[in-house]
Amino acid sequence: MVQPLLKVTDLAKSYSVGQQTLQAFQHINFDIQPGECVALVGSLGAAKAQ
């Protein structure tokens, strides 16, 4: 079995806005295998670089 180049387990991101916490996503899991091509896409201003 080939080992993944990158393994992400239980990734989550939240933001504090004033006294509120906004949950952007949670429980994200994925592996990137050798030879795979990966792209991150989203709307302009969707915080892809944070």
Protein backbone atom coordinates (compact mmCIF):
# COMPACT_ATOMS: atom_id res chain seq x y z
CA MET A 1 0.00 0.00 0.00
CA VAL A 2 1.31 3.44 -0.96
CA GLN A 3 1.53 5.98 1.85
CA PRO A 4 -0.21 9.34 1.23
CA LEU A 5 1.94 12.44 0.72
CA LEU A 6 -0.47 14.37 2.94
CA LYS A 7 -3.11 13.09 5.35
CA VAL A 8 -5.59 15.54 6.91
CA THR A 9 -7.80 14.28 9.74
CA ASP A 10 -10.63 16.12 11.51
CA LEU A 11 -9.78 19.59 10.15
CA ALA A 12 -11.98 22.43 11.44
CA LYS A 13 -12.03 26.22 11.12
CA SER A 14 -14.02 28.79 13.06
CA TYR A 15 -13.98 32.58 13.20
CA SER A 16 -14.67 34.95 16.07
CA VAL A 17 -16.97 37.78 15.03
CA GLY A 18 -17.64 40.09 17.94
CA GLN A 19 -19.05 37.85 20.69
CA GLN A 20 -20.05 35.11 18.23
CA THR A 21 -18.07 32.15 16.92
CA LEU A 22 -18.90 31.13 13.36
CA GLN A 23 -18.06 27.55 12.36
CA ALA A 24 -16.83 27.58 8.74
CA PHE A 25 -16.38 23.78 8.54
CA GLN A 26 -15.58 20.79 10.71
CA HIS A 27 -14.69 17.08 10.45
CA ILE A 28 -12.87 17.39 7.09
CA ASN A 29 -10.70 14.37 6.22
CA PHE A 30 -8.70 13.67 3.07
CA ASP A 31 -5.49 12.10 1.77
CA ILE A 32 -3.37 13.26 -1.15
CA GLN A 33 -1.70 10.32 -2.88
CA PRO A 34 1.49 10.44 -4.97
CA GLY A 35 0.64 11.51 -8.53
CA GLU A 36 -2.65 13.20 -7.60
CA CYS A 37 -3.34 16.80 -8.57
CA VAL A 38 -5.18 19.01 -6.04
CA ALA A 39 -6.74 22.46 -6.43
CA LEU A 40 -8.42 24.77 -3.92
CA VAL A 41 -11.24 26.76 -5.49
CA GLY A 42 -13.80 29.17 -4.14
CA SER A 43 -15.36 32.58 -4.46
CA LEU A 44 -13.25 35.72 -4.48
CA GLY A 45 -12.87 36.80 -0.85
CA ALA A 46 -13.75 33.36 0.53
CA ALA A 47 -10.64 33.23 2.78
CA LYS A 48 -8.81 30.50 0.83
CA ALA A 49 -5.43 31.91 1.89
CA GLN A 50 -6.12 32.14 5.61
